[in-house]
Amino acid sequence: FPSTMMLGSTTGKPLFYDAKSQTLFTREETLHMGPEAAPSDYPINVTPGPDILVNPNIDKGAQILPNVEFDGSGNFVITWTDDEGADGSGEGVYAREFNFDSTPANNEFQINKVTKGDQGTSTVHVNSDGDYSIIWRDANETDGDQFGVYMRQFVKGGTPKADDVLVPQTTSGRQMAPSVSGDPGGKIIAGWSGPDDGAGRGTWVRLFDA
């Protein structure tokens, strides 16, 4: 996994440098490209971008557990857990969009519509057009029994496509540690740790159409 994100000195677009393999590559490349294989217009001298405060308007308590992903143009979405009750009750899930040059595209905004209790440990999947899905763990028995996993989809710009969606069909016990990804055709795959698979806790996935 890339250890450092940098901005190309000539393009301003994000580049990644993996210190272990000494590889420089772009978000669009599916295979790591070594410096010796870089195309002639690939920026050789890159400089690290500045640290960016993601949550300037939510500045009370801990803002933790960030997760970030790019779209096909280098814009990116970051999601995280607010640990101080900014949504009115316990933990809450927030996100913010950024342009390819790391400038903010909007302010922080709340993801979870259901706010009672704790919602957190969110992850995000962004498709090539900039629409995105955010998944999280709900710890308030909203699904009827202990922890649950929920997801919400957004169009680029932050407008929700729908309300919170319960991800697992089986809701007994604790569903937690969620993760989300997708394919180029628009399907979304959600994963989580769930109850008994016959030998203790199991790992589960479920497919959704975007």
Protein backbone atom coordinates (compact mmCIF):
# COMPACT_ATOMS: atom_id res chain seq x y z
CA PHE A 1 0.00 0.00 0.00
CA PRO A 2 1.42 3.43 -0.86
CA SER A 3 3.13 5.04 2.06
CA THR A 4 3.13 8.66 0.85
CA MET A 5 0.84 10.84 -1.26
CA MET A 6 2.50 13.68 -3.17
CA LEU A 7 1.46 16.26 -5.71
CA GLY A 8 3.29 16.24 -9.03
CA SER A 9 5.28 19.45 -9.40
CA THR A 10 4.16 19.92 -13.00
CA THR A 11 0.58 18.63 -12.91
CA GLY A 12 -0.52 19.14 -9.31
CA LYS A 13 -2.25 15.75 -9.45
CA PRO A 14 -1.79 13.14 -6.72
CA LEU A 15 1.05 10.66 -7.06
CA PHE A 16 2.02 7.86 -4.73
CA TYR A 17 5.40 6.64 -3.60
CA ASP A 18 5.81 3.22 -2.03
CA ALA A 19 9.02 3.40 0.00
CA LYS A 20 9.35 -0.38 0.30
CA SER A 21 9.34 -1.08 -3.44
CA GLN A 22 10.61 2.40 -4.40
CA THR A 23 7.73 2.67 -6.84
CA LEU A 24 6.05 5.80 -8.15
CA PHE A 25 2.56 5.46 -9.59
CA THR A 26 -0.76 7.19 -10.20
CA ARG A 27 -4.20 6.28 -8.89
CA GLU A 28 -5.35 5.04 -12.29
CA GLU A 29 -2.57 2.48 -12.65
CA THR A 30 -3.57 -0.99 -11.55
CA LEU A 31 0.02 -2.21 -11.52
CA HIS A 32 2.91 -0.43 -9.81
CA MET A 33 5.14 1.27 -12.31
CA GLY A 34 8.83 1.47 -11.52
CA PRO A 35 10.66 4.75 -12.19
CA GLU A 36 12.61 3.18 -15.04
CA ALA A 37 9.34 2.31 -16.81
CA ALA A 38 7.74 5.72 -16.37
CA PRO A 39 6.54 7.46 -19.54
CA SER A 40 8.52 10.47 -20.77
CA ASP A 41 5.93 12.99 -19.54
CA TYR A 42 5.80 11.46 -16.04
CA PRO A 43 6.95 14.06 -13.50
CA ILE A 44 10.26 12.92 -12.04
CA ASN A 45 10.68 15.52 -9.28
CA VAL A 46 7.72 15.45 -6.91
CA THR A 47 7.23 17.22 -3.62
CA PRO A 48 5.04 16.13 -0.72
CA GLY A 49 1.80 18.05 -0.39
CA PRO A 50 0.98 19.90 2.83
CA ASP A 51 -0.96 18.44 5.74
CA ILE A 52 -4.67 19.27 5.34
CA LEU A 53 -7.03 19.69 8.28
CA VAL A 54 -10.14 17.84 7.19
CA ASN A 55 -12.47 18.83 10.05
CA PRO A 56 -12.03 22.58 10.73
CA ASN A 57 -15.69 23.04 11.65
CA ILE A 58 -15.94 20.01 13.94
CA ASP A 59 -13.22 20.88 16.41
CA LYS A 60 -14.43 19.40 19.70
CA GLY A 61 -13.23 16.03 20.90
CA ALA A 62 -11.55 13.28 18.92
CA GLN A 63 -11.91 12.89 15.16
CA ILE A 64 -10.63 9.38 14.48
CA LEU A 65 -10.42 6.36 12.17
CA PRO A 66 -10.17 8.08 8.75
CA ASN A 67 -10.59 6.25 5.45
CA VAL A 68 -10.08 7.80 2.01
CA GLU A 69 -10.44 6.90 -1.67
CA PHE A 70 -10.04 8.54 -5.09
CA ASP A 71 -12.34 8.80 -8.08
CA GLY A 72 -11.10 8.42 -11.65
CA SER A 73 -9.99 12.06 -11.91
CA GLY A 74 -7.91 12.30 -8.74
CA ASN A 75 -10.63 13.89 -6.60
CA PHE A 76 -11.08 12.13 -3.28
CA VAL A 77 -13.50 11.54 -0.42
CA ILE A 78 -12.51 11.01 3.20
CA THR A 79 -14.73 9.66 5.95
CA TRP A 80 -14.07 9.41 9.68
CA THR A 81 -15.64 8.92 13.12
CA ASP A 82 -16.50 11.84 15.37
CA ASP A 83 -16.05 10.63 18.95
CA GLU A 84 -17.62 13.62 20.71
CA GLY A 85 -21.31 13.56 19.80
CA ALA A 86 -21.43 16.21 17.08
CA ASP A 87 -24.47 14.40 15.63
CA GLY A 88 -26.24 14.79 18.97
CA SER A 89 -25.61 11.34 20.44
CA GLY A 90 -22.31 9.49 20.86
CA GLU A 91 -20.14 8.68 17.87
CA GLY A 92 -21.11 9.85 14.40
CA VAL A 93 -19.92 9.35 10.83
CA TYR A 94 -18.74 12.32 8.78
CA ALA A 95 -17.20 12.89 5.37
CA ARG A 96 -15.73 15.58 3.16
CA GLU A 97 -14.89 15.82 -0.54
CA PHE A 98 -11.69 17.26 -1.99
CA ASN A 99 -10.67 18.22 -5.52
CA PHE A 100 -7.70 16.65 -7.32
CA ASP A 101 -5.47 19.53 -6.19
CA SER A 102 -6.38 18.86 -2.52
CA THR A 103 -8.63 21.93 -2.20
CA PRO A 104 -11.93 21.26 -0.36
CA ALA A 105 -14.97 20.69 -2.56
CA ASN A 106 -17.39 21.14 0.37
CA ASN A 107 -17.53 21.31 4.16
CA GLU A 108 -17.71 18.38 6.53
CA PHE A 109 -21.13 16.76 6.62
CA GLN A 110 -22.89 14.05 8.59
CA ILE A 111 -23.39 10.66 6.92
CA ASN A 112 -25.61 8.70 9.31
CA LYS A 113 -29.27 9.76 9.34
CA VAL A 114 -29.96 7.63 12.45
CA THR A 115 -28.00 9.34 15.21
CA LYS A 116 -29.03 7.59 18.43
CA GLY A 117 -26.07 5.92 20.11
CA ASP A 118 -22.77 5.27 18.34
CA GLN A 119 -22.15 5.11 14.60
CA GLY A 120 -18.49 4.77 13.56
CA THR A 121 -15.60 2.87 11.94
CA SER A 122 -16.68 4.01 8.48
CA THR A 123 -15.05 3.22 5.15
CA VAL A 124 -15.73 4.66 1.69
CA HIS A 125 -15.81 3.47 -1.90
CA VAL A 126 -15.71 6.10 -4.66
CA ASN A 127 -16.55 5.20 -8.25
CA SER A 128 -14.82 6.65 -11.31
CA ASP A 129 -17.45 9.40 -11.70
CA GLY A 130 -17.16 10.59 -8.10
CA ASP A 131 -20.32 9.06 -6.61
CA TYR A 132 -19.61 7.16 -3.42
CA SER A 133 -20.85 4.71 -0.80
CA ILE A 134 -20.02 4.90 2.90
CA ILE A 135 -20.48 1.97 5.28
CA TRP A 136 -20.29 1.99 9.07
CA ARG A 137 -20.93 0.10 12.30
CA ASP A 138 -23.99 1.03 14.38
CA ALA A 139 -23.74 0.14 18.08
CA ASN A 140 -27.25 1.04 19.20
CA GLU A 141 -29.23 -2.11 18.29
CA THR A 142 -30.87 -0.19 15.42
CA ASP A 143 -31.05 -3.50 13.54
CA GLY A 144 -32.81 -5.09 16.51
CA ASP A 145 -29.89 -6.91 18.12
CA GLN A 146 -26.54 -5.51 19.28
CA PHE A 147 -24.23 -4.10 16.58
CA GLY A 148 -25.33 -3.61 12.98
CA VAL A 149 -23.77 -2.51 9.67
CA TYR A 150 -25.32 0.26 7.58
CA MET A 151 -24.50 1.95 4.28
CA ARG A 152 -25.53 5.15 2.54
CA GLN A 153 -24.86 6.22 -1.06
CA PHE A 154 -24.18 9.74 -2.32
CA VAL A 155 -23.76 11.49 -5.64
CA LYS A 156 -20.68 13.62 -6.15
CA GLY A 157 -21.29 16.85 -4.26
CA GLY A 158 -22.75 15.15 -1.17
CA THR A 159 -26.44 14.70 -2.04
CA PRO A 160 -27.68 11.37 -0.63
CA LYS A 161 -29.27 8.87 -3.00
CA ALA A 162 -31.23 7.28 -0.15
CA ASP A 163 -31.42 6.93 3.63
CA ASP A 164 -29.31 4.58 5.74
CA VAL A 165 -29.53 1.01 4.41
CA LEU A 166 -29.16 -2.08 6.62
CA VAL A 167 -26.48 -4.23 4.98
CA PRO A 168 -26.69 -7.73 6.52
CA GLN A 169 -29.78 -9.89 6.06
CA THR A 170 -28.92 -11.71 9.29
CA THR A 171 -29.06 -9.23 12.17
CA SER A 172 -28.66 -11.44 15.24
CA GLY A 173 -25.50 -10.87 17.24
CA ARG A 174 -22.78 -8.39 16.39
CA GLN A 175 -22.05 -7.22 12.84
CA MET A 176 -18.98 -4.99 12.82
CA ALA A 177 -15.64 -4.03 11.15
CA PRO A 178 -17.32 -3.05 7.84
CA SER A 179 -15.57 -2.50 4.52
CA VAL A 180 -16.87 -1.50 1.09
CA SER A 181 -15.61 -1.59 -2.49
CA GLY A 182 -17.01 -1.72 -6.01
CA ASP A 183 -16.39 -2.74 -9.60
CA PRO A 184 -16.23 -0.58 -12.76
CA GLY A 185 -19.74 -1.68 -13.71
CA GLY A 186 -21.26 -0.02 -10.65
CA LYS A 187 -21.81 -2.95 -8.32
CA ILE A 188 -21.02 -2.40 -4.63
CA ILE A 189 -19.65 -5.11 -2.37
CA ALA A 190 -19.95 -4.74 1.38
CA GLY A 191 -18.01 -6.87 3.84
CA TRP A 192 -18.18 -7.24 7.61
CA SER A 193 -17.40 -9.49 10.55
CA GLY A 194 -20.51 -11.29 11.73
CA PRO A 195 -21.74 -13.99 14.07
CA ASP A 196 -21.30 -17.74 14.06
CA ASP A 197 -20.20 -19.36 10.80
CA GLY A 198 -20.06 -22.74 12.57
CA ALA A 199 -16.70 -22.18 14.22
CA GLY A 200 -16.98 -18.80 15.88
CA ARG A 201 -17.21 -15.44 14.17
CA GLY A 202 -17.33 -15.32 10.38
CA THR A 203 -16.59 -12.89 7.56
CA TRP A 204 -19.50 -12.01 5.31
CA VAL A 205 -20.10 -10.07 2.08
CA ARG A 206 -23.16 -8.85 0.20
CA LEU A 207 -23.46 -7.38 -3.31
CA PHE A 208 -25.54 -4.30 -4.16
CA ASP A 209 -26.33 -2.50 -7.39
CA ALA A 210 -25.23 1.14 -7.28
